[in-house]
Amino acid sequence: MDRDLLAAGDLGSAPEPGADVTSHPGADLPANPWEKWGWAFASIWLVFLFFPVSSVLAADATPVATGLTLLLIAGFAVANVLGYSGRVSPWLALGAMVLIGAATMPVIGIGVLSYTPYLAMLSALELPAPAWRWSVAFWSVVPLLSLLDIDGFPTFFFLVLWPVMLGGVMLRIFGERERIAEDARSEYAMVAERERVARDVHDVLGHSLTALSVKAELAARLVDVDPARAKEELESIQATARQALAEVRATVGGLRAGNLEAELLAAPRVLADAGITTTVDGDVSDTDPRHRALLAWVLRESVTNVVRHARADRVVIELGSRGIAVCDDGTGCSGHEGNGLRGMRERVAGAGGTLTISPATPGTRVEVTLP
């Protein structure tokens, strides 16, 4: 027994190498594909640099100026892709694009407006909040210069660019909303897991410690009048402690599942140690197989409550196709629900059933009805 009780410290020890441990919401979420493949998206849109390239080729410029401007446009494309790669600060990439775009203005003139979708998209998708909003707002105003109708540049060209910019804004907003939703789902999953562990540990320890207390009291009374029986109870305490430790470990690991047949065998023994007789009406085969694990938890918690609070002489356990009922002839219910009953009610509600706690004559009747 000593080794088993000392091994309880294993519950709080470091996880095994390779174990899956989540330290905070979203810690082990898969990488955002946009963060990994954003550069590919940016590369596809480079096809629209055809417009400034065609403007260069159509311009009345020297071959040197034409070649240099084409190299600048290529540099603009590289800076744009690097802005999405994660290897370069988006601010640095954006600044480089602005300078390179401005450097092509002597050759293409007002045609530099065709760069604004790239600047707006990079701002929307890569800059931090709230800077991205102000940056996109600025770049959305710049295309209005097309209204000046300089050098025959298409009037209302901004009507072509704005939908592209709006697309970038929508991608950013949807991405942020998705991240918020993912964080909320992760937080909810973590809270639900904590509640599950708290419920299961309460049920396991509550039942086991109650059984240990009853057996220890019985052994203390028998130690002088019947040493052999007292020794048997002490050995039973040892076995119960080992079982409780194993169940707590399984609960923390998420492997604990109720076993109705085992609980039906254990319940009369625990009740008998407390001086309570048990009558079982029905059999495991009478219950719905889908709900037997849940019924096992209900039976365990009900028996624990009877031993702790009811001061009863007799308990009747009724099993049927719709659920289970545990009726005692004790002092009756106080109307106050502790953690055990609350956890039981949550379990039953999660399965779509109802839990009813009502006075009996005398005593209390706990009944669970499942679909």
Protein backbone atom coordinates (compact mmCIF):
# COMPACT_ATOMS: atom_id res chain seq x y z
CA MET A 1 0.00 0.00 0.00
CA ASP A 2 2.84 2.40 0.80
CA ARG A 3 4.20 2.27 -2.72
CA ASP A 4 0.76 2.85 -4.22
CA LEU A 5 0.06 5.85 -2.03
CA LEU A 6 3.50 7.35 -2.67
CA ALA A 7 2.93 6.83 -6.39
CA ALA A 8 0.12 9.35 -6.17
CA GLY A 9 2.82 11.94 -6.69
CA ASP A 10 3.03 10.70 -10.28
CA LEU A 11 -0.23 12.57 -10.97
CA GLY A 12 1.59 15.89 -10.75
CA SER A 13 4.88 14.81 -12.31
CA ALA A 14 6.26 16.02 -15.61
CA PRO A 15 4.66 14.52 -18.71
CA GLU A 16 6.35 11.72 -20.59
CA PRO A 17 8.51 12.75 -23.56
CA GLY A 18 6.32 13.23 -26.60
CA ALA A 19 3.18 13.71 -24.55
CA ASP A 20 0.58 16.11 -25.95
CA VAL A 21 0.40 19.03 -23.53
CA THR A 22 -1.61 22.21 -24.14
CA SER A 23 -0.37 25.12 -22.05
CA HIS A 24 -2.72 27.78 -23.34
CA PRO A 25 -5.68 28.16 -25.72
CA GLY A 26 -4.64 27.46 -29.27
CA ALA A 27 -1.16 26.27 -28.25
CA ASP A 28 -1.23 23.23 -30.54
CA LEU A 29 -3.43 24.62 -33.28
CA PRO A 30 -2.23 23.89 -36.83
CA ALA A 31 -0.35 26.70 -38.54
CA ASN A 32 -2.43 29.24 -40.42
CA PRO A 33 -2.06 28.31 -44.11
CA TRP A 34 -2.21 32.01 -45.03
CA GLU A 35 0.93 32.64 -42.99
CA LYS A 36 2.69 29.79 -44.77
CA TRP A 37 1.47 30.30 -48.34
CA GLY A 38 0.74 34.05 -48.47
CA TRP A 39 3.78 34.55 -50.70
CA ALA A 40 2.22 32.22 -53.29
CA PHE A 41 -0.96 34.32 -53.26
CA ALA A 42 1.14 37.46 -53.75
CA SER A 43 3.03 35.86 -56.63
CA ILE A 44 -0.18 35.05 -58.51
CA TRP A 45 -1.32 38.67 -58.38
CA LEU A 46 1.98 39.87 -59.89
CA VAL A 47 0.40 39.23 -63.28
CA PHE A 48 -1.29 42.62 -62.94
CA LEU A 49 2.09 44.31 -63.09
CA PHE A 50 1.46 43.95 -66.81
CA PHE A 51 -0.10 47.42 -66.67
CA PRO A 52 2.98 49.33 -65.43
CA VAL A 53 5.21 47.18 -67.66
CA SER A 54 3.10 48.03 -70.71
CA SER A 55 3.20 51.68 -69.69
CA VAL A 56 7.01 51.55 -69.63
CA LEU A 57 7.20 49.91 -73.02
CA ALA A 58 4.78 52.45 -74.47
CA ALA A 59 6.59 55.44 -72.93
CA ASP A 60 8.86 57.70 -74.94
CA ALA A 61 11.98 56.98 -72.93
CA THR A 62 15.58 56.08 -73.64
CA PRO A 63 16.55 52.40 -73.64
CA VAL A 64 18.53 52.92 -70.44
CA ALA A 65 15.58 54.54 -68.67
CA THR A 66 13.27 51.79 -69.96
CA GLY A 67 15.57 49.01 -68.79
CA LEU A 68 16.13 50.63 -65.41
CA THR A 69 12.40 51.14 -64.90
CA LEU A 70 11.70 47.49 -65.75
CA LEU A 71 14.31 46.45 -63.18
CA LEU A 72 12.59 48.67 -60.61
CA ILE A 73 9.26 47.00 -61.36
CA ALA A 74 10.94 43.61 -60.85
CA GLY A 75 12.27 44.89 -57.51
CA PHE A 76 8.76 46.03 -56.63
CA ALA A 77 7.52 42.48 -57.30
CA VAL A 78 10.27 40.95 -55.13
CA ALA A 79 9.55 43.34 -52.25
CA ASN A 80 5.84 42.54 -52.51
CA VAL A 81 6.41 38.78 -52.25
CA LEU A 82 8.91 39.17 -49.40
CA GLY A 83 6.31 41.20 -47.50
CA TYR A 84 4.16 38.06 -47.26
CA SER A 85 6.98 35.60 -46.63
CA GLY A 86 7.54 36.35 -42.94
CA ARG A 87 11.24 36.79 -43.56
CA VAL A 88 11.02 40.56 -43.98
CA SER A 89 9.08 43.06 -41.90
CA PRO A 90 5.92 44.08 -43.77
CA TRP A 91 6.71 47.68 -42.87
CA LEU A 92 10.11 47.37 -44.54
CA ALA A 93 8.59 45.71 -47.60
CA LEU A 94 5.87 48.36 -47.82
CA GLY A 95 8.41 51.17 -47.58
CA ALA A 96 10.57 49.59 -50.27
CA MET A 97 7.58 49.23 -52.57
CA VAL A 98 6.62 52.87 -52.10
CA LEU A 99 10.15 54.07 -52.89
CA ILE A 100 10.52 51.77 -55.88
CA GLY A 101 7.11 52.74 -57.21
CA ALA A 102 7.93 56.43 -56.87
CA ALA A 103 11.22 55.84 -58.71
CA THR A 104 9.30 54.60 -61.78
CA MET A 105 7.15 57.73 -61.93
CA PRO A 106 9.47 59.68 -64.28
CA VAL A 107 8.77 57.08 -66.97
CA ILE A 108 5.17 55.92 -66.37
CA GLY A 109 3.78 59.06 -64.72
CA ILE A 110 0.26 58.68 -63.37
CA GLY A 111 0.52 54.97 -64.15
CA VAL A 112 2.03 54.52 -60.69
CA LEU A 113 -1.58 54.34 -59.48
CA SER A 114 -1.60 50.74 -60.69
CA TYR A 115 0.69 49.90 -57.75
CA THR A 116 -1.89 50.90 -55.12
CA PRO A 117 -3.73 47.53 -54.99
CA TYR A 118 -0.46 45.84 -54.04
CA LEU A 119 0.22 48.41 -51.34
CA ALA A 120 -3.34 48.18 -50.00
CA MET A 121 -3.39 44.37 -49.99
CA LEU A 122 -0.04 44.11 -48.20
CA SER A 123 -1.24 46.68 -45.66
CA ALA A 124 -4.53 44.87 -45.09
CA LEU A 125 -3.09 41.40 -44.75
CA GLU A 126 0.26 41.91 -43.04
CA LEU A 127 0.37 45.13 -41.02
CA PRO A 128 -0.63 44.94 -37.34
CA ALA A 129 -3.86 46.45 -36.01
CA PRO A 130 -4.89 49.22 -36.00
CA ALA A 131 -2.19 50.47 -38.41
CA TRP A 132 -3.51 48.36 -41.27
CA ARG A 133 -6.86 50.20 -41.23
CA TRP A 134 -5.26 53.63 -41.57
CA SER A 135 -2.88 52.40 -44.25
CA VAL A 136 -5.65 50.84 -46.35
CA ALA A 137 -7.77 53.97 -45.97
CA PHE A 138 -4.87 56.05 -47.32
CA TRP A 139 -4.21 53.77 -50.30
CA SER A 140 -7.90 53.68 -51.16
CA VAL A 141 -7.91 57.47 -51.54
CA VAL A 142 -4.82 57.65 -53.76
CA PRO A 143 -6.51 56.12 -56.88
CA LEU A 144 -8.91 59.08 -56.93
CA LEU A 145 -6.06 60.94 -58.67
CA SER A 146 -7.22 59.16 -61.81
CA LEU A 147 -10.02 61.71 -61.93
CA LEU A 148 -7.42 64.32 -62.94
CA ASP A 149 -7.32 62.61 -66.35
CA ILE A 150 -3.58 63.19 -66.70
CA ASP A 151 -1.87 61.90 -69.85
CA GLY A 152 -4.97 60.05 -70.95
CA PHE A 153 -4.97 57.76 -67.90
CA PRO A 154 -8.41 56.05 -67.59
CA THR A 155 -10.82 58.21 -65.62
CA PHE A 156 -12.58 56.43 -62.75
CA PHE A 157 -9.70 53.91 -62.64
CA PHE A 158 -10.30 53.80 -58.90
CA LEU A 159 -13.52 51.89 -59.56
CA VAL A 160 -11.34 49.03 -60.81
CA LEU A 161 -8.94 49.18 -57.87
CA TRP A 162 -11.37 49.55 -55.00
CA PRO A 163 -12.93 46.04 -55.31
CA VAL A 164 -9.42 44.57 -55.07
CA MET A 165 -8.70 46.61 -51.95
CA LEU A 166 -12.07 45.66 -50.49
CA GLY A 167 -11.17 42.01 -51.05
CA GLY A 168 -8.02 42.45 -48.97
CA VAL A 169 -9.96 44.13 -46.17
CA MET A 170 -12.51 41.31 -46.15
CA LEU A 171 -9.77 38.68 -46.03
CA ARG A 172 -8.21 40.45 -43.04
CA ILE A 173 -11.52 40.80 -41.17
CA PHE A 174 -12.56 37.20 -41.86
CA GLY A 175 -9.12 35.97 -40.79
CA GLU A 176 -9.31 37.90 -37.51
CA ARG A 177 -12.83 36.64 -36.84
CA GLU A 178 -11.73 33.07 -37.54
CA ARG A 179 -8.81 33.43 -35.14
CA ILE A 180 -11.09 34.83 -32.45
CA ALA A 181 -13.54 31.97 -33.02
CA GLU A 182 -10.71 29.42 -32.89
CA ASP A 183 -9.41 30.89 -29.65
CA ALA A 184 -12.93 30.79 -28.21
CA ARG A 185 -13.35 27.16 -29.25
CA SER A 186 -9.99 26.29 -27.69
CA GLU A 187 -10.90 28.14 -24.49
CA TYR A 188 -14.25 26.38 -24.36
CA ALA A 189 -12.61 23.00 -24.91
CA MET A 190 -10.12 23.69 -22.12
CA VAL A 191 -12.87 24.78 -19.70
CA ALA A 192 -14.99 21.76 -20.63
CA GLU A 193 -12.02 19.47 -20.01
CA ARG A 194 -11.36 21.09 -16.63
CA GLU A 195 -15.00 20.62 -15.68
CA ARG A 196 -14.89 17.00 -16.82
CA VAL A 197 -11.81 16.27 -14.75
CA ALA A 198 -13.27 18.12 -11.75
CA ARG A 199 -16.52 16.16 -12.05
CA ASP A 200 -14.82 12.81 -12.48
CA VAL A 201 -12.27 13.37 -9.71
CA HIS A 202 -15.05 14.49 -7.37
CA ASP A 203 -17.08 11.38 -8.14
CA VAL A 204 -14.10 9.03 -7.85
CA LEU A 205 -12.61 10.52 -4.71
CA GLY A 206 -15.95 11.23 -3.07
CA HIS A 207 -17.03 7.63 -3.42
CA SER A 208 -13.66 6.10 -2.57
CA LEU A 209 -12.96 8.32 0.45
CA THR A 210 -16.46 7.68 1.77
CA ALA A 211 -15.88 3.94 1.44
CA LEU A 212 -12.48 4.23 3.12
CA SER A 213 -13.97 6.23 5.99
CA VAL A 214 -16.74 3.69 6.56
CA LYS A 215 -14.32 0.76 6.42
CA ALA A 216 -11.85 2.49 8.77
CA GLU A 217 -14.62 3.11 11.34
CA LEU A 218 -15.73 -0.49 11.05
CA ALA A 219 -12.17 -1.79 11.47
CA ALA A 220 -11.70 0.42 14.54
CA ARG A 221 -14.82 -1.07 16.15
CA LEU A 222 -13.75 -4.63 15.34
CA VAL A 223 -10.10 -4.44 16.30
CA ASP A 224 -10.80 -5.52 19.89
CA VAL A 225 -13.85 -7.79 19.46
CA ASP A 226 -12.95 -9.51 16.19
CA PRO A 227 -9.29 -8.97 15.18
CA ALA A 228 -9.57 -11.30 12.19
CA ARG A 229 -12.49 -9.36 10.74
CA ALA A 230 -10.69 -6.09 11.49
CA LYS A 231 -7.69 -7.37 9.53
CA GLU A 232 -9.97 -8.18 6.60
CA GLU A 233 -11.35 -4.63 6.66
CA LEU A 234 -7.84 -3.19 6.75
CA GLU A 235 -6.92 -5.30 3.71
CA SER A 236 -10.10 -4.06 2.05
CA ILE A 237 -9.05 -0.47 2.81
CA GLN A 238 -5.72 -1.18 1.14
CA ALA A 239 -7.43 -2.57 -1.97
CA THR A 240 -9.88 0.34 -2.09
CA ALA A 241 -7.03 2.85 -1.85
CA ARG A 242 -5.21 1.15 -4.73
CA GLN A 243 -8.37 1.15 -6.83
CA ALA A 244 -9.07 4.82 -6.04
CA LEU A 245 -5.53 5.77 -7.06
CA ALA A 246 -5.86 3.90 -10.35
CA GLU A 247 -9.22 5.53 -11.04
CA VAL A 248 -7.89 9.02 -10.36
CA ARG A 249 -4.99 8.41 -12.73
CA ALA A 250 -7.38 7.17 -15.41
CA THR A 251 -9.67 10.15 -14.84
CA VAL A 252 -6.88 12.70 -15.22
CA GLY A 253 -5.79 10.93 -18.39
CA GLY A 254 -9.31 10.98 -19.80
CA LEU A 255 -9.50 7.18 -19.81
CA ARG A 256 -11.99 6.70 -16.99
CA ALA A 257 -15.36 5.26 -18.01
CA GLY A 258 -18.15 4.14 -15.75
CA ASN A 259 -18.89 0.42 -15.50
CA LEU A 260 -22.47 -0.24 -14.40
CA GLU A 261 -21.94 -3.93 -13.67
CA ALA A 262 -18.96 -3.16 -11.42
CA GLU A 263 -20.87 -0.42 -9.61
CA LEU A 264 -23.82 -2.76 -8.99
CA LEU A 265 -21.44 -5.23 -7.37
CA ALA A 266 -19.64 -2.56 -5.31
CA ALA A 267 -22.69 -0.60 -4.12
CA PRO A 268 -24.13 -3.31 -1.78
CA ARG A 269 -20.71 -3.83 -0.20
CA VAL A 270 -20.18 -0.12 0.49
CA LEU A 271 -23.70 0.22 1.84
CA ALA A 272 -23.35 -2.93 3.96
CA ASP A 273 -20.21 -1.53 5.60
CA ALA A 274 -22.36 1.45 6.64
CA GLY A 275 -25.06 -0.87 8.01
CA ILE A 276 -27.46 -0.35 5.10
CA THR A 277 -29.20 -3.21 3.30
CA THR A 278 -29.57 -3.09 -0.47
CA THR A 279 -32.24 -4.35 -2.83
CA VAL A 280 -31.62 -4.33 -6.58
CA ASP A 281 -34.71 -4.37 -8.77
CA GLY A 282 -33.69 -5.21 -12.31
CA ASP A 283 -30.43 -6.08 -14.04
CA VAL A 284 -27.77 -4.49 -16.23
CA SER A 285 -29.37 -6.15 -19.25
CA ASP A 286 -32.54 -4.14 -18.60
CA THR A 287 -30.73 -0.84 -19.26
CA ASP A 288 -29.92 0.87 -22.54
CA PRO A 289 -26.31 0.00 -23.51
CA ARG A 290 -25.79 3.57 -24.74
CA HIS A 291 -26.27 4.97 -21.25
CA ARG A 292 -24.68 2.37 -18.99
CA ALA A 293 -21.51 4.37 -18.37
CA LEU A 294 -23.63 7.37 -17.34
CA LEU A 295 -25.86 5.21 -15.11
CA ALA A 296 -22.73 3.87 -13.42
CA TRP A 297 -21.70 7.42 -12.47
CA VAL A 298 -25.22 8.18 -11.24
CA LEU A 299 -25.30 5.05 -9.09
CA ARG A 300 -21.88 5.76 -7.61
CA GLU A 301 -22.75 9.35 -6.65
CA SER A 302 -26.16 8.31 -5.28
CA VAL A 303 -24.65 5.61 -3.08
CA THR A 304 -21.98 8.04 -1.86
CA ASN A 305 -24.67 10.57 -0.88
CA VAL A 306 -26.70 7.92 0.94
CA VAL A 307 -23.68 6.82 2.99
CA ARG A 308 -22.68 10.40 3.77
CA HIS A 309 -25.96 12.09 4.49
CA ALA A 310 -29.04 9.88 4.52
CA ARG A 311 -28.60 7.89 7.78
CA ALA A 312 -30.71 5.25 6.05
CA ASP A 313 -31.30 1.57 6.87
CA ARG A 314 -32.37 0.41 3.43
CA VAL A 315 -31.74 1.35 -0.22
CA VAL A 316 -33.59 0.16 -3.32
CA ILE A 317 -31.87 0.39 -6.72
CA GLU A 318 -34.24 0.19 -9.69
CA LEU A 319 -32.94 -0.45 -13.19
CA GLY A 320 -34.97 -0.11 -16.37
CA SER A 321 -34.83 0.68 -20.06
CA ARG A 322 -35.38 4.41 -19.41
CA GLY A 323 -32.82 4.87 -16.64
CA ILE A 324 -32.21 4.26 -12.94
CA ALA A 325 -33.70 5.19 -9.58
CA VAL A 326 -32.07 5.02 -6.13
CA CYS A 327 -34.46 5.26 -3.19
CA ASP A 328 -33.48 5.31 0.49
CA ASP A 329 -35.47 5.43 3.74
CA GLY A 330 -33.25 8.04 5.37
CA THR A 331 -33.79 11.54 6.67
CA GLY A 332 -34.81 13.05 3.33
CA CYS A 333 -33.26 15.67 1.09
CA SER A 334 -32.38 19.15 2.30
CA GLY A 335 -32.98 20.86 -1.03
CA HIS A 336 -29.33 21.97 -1.27
CA GLU A 337 -27.33 20.57 -4.18
CA GLY A 338 -23.59 20.15 -3.73
CA ASN A 339 -20.95 19.59 -6.36
CA GLY A 340 -21.80 15.91 -6.66
CA LEU A 341 -25.46 16.41 -7.52
CA ARG A 342 -24.61 19.34 -9.74
CA GLY A 343 -22.10 17.23 -11.65
CA MET A 344 -24.64 14.41 -11.90
CA ARG A 345 -27.24 16.80 -13.28
CA GLU A 346 -24.75 18.11 -15.87
CA ARG A 347 -23.90 14.59 -17.00
CA VAL A 348 -27.55 13.63 -17.35
CA ALA A 349 -28.47 16.85 -19.15
CA GLY A 350 -25.56 16.30 -21.55
CA ALA A 351 -27.14 12.96 -22.53
CA GLY A 352 -30.55 14.60 -23.05
CA GLY A 353 -32.05 13.14 -19.89
CA THR A 354 -33.62 14.48 -16.72
CA LEU A 355 -32.65 14.12 -13.08
CA THR A 356 -35.40 14.21 -10.47
CA ILE A 357 -34.77 14.35 -6.72
CA SER A 358 -37.97 13.95 -4.75
CA PRO A 359 -39.05 13.00 -1.21
CA ALA A 360 -39.95 9.36 -0.56
CA THR A 361 -41.99 7.94 2.33
CA PRO A 362 -39.64 8.13 4.12
CA GLY A 363 -36.34 9.16 2.59
CA THR A 364 -35.29 10.40 -0.85
CA ARG A 365 -35.73 9.16 -4.38
CA VAL A 366 -33.15 10.04 -7.04
CA GLU A 367 -34.38 9.16 -10.51
CA VAL A 368 -32.71 9.56 -13.89
CA THR A 369 -34.78 9.28 -17.04
CA LEU A 370 -32.97 9.06 -20.38
CA PRO A 371 -34.25 9.14 -23.97
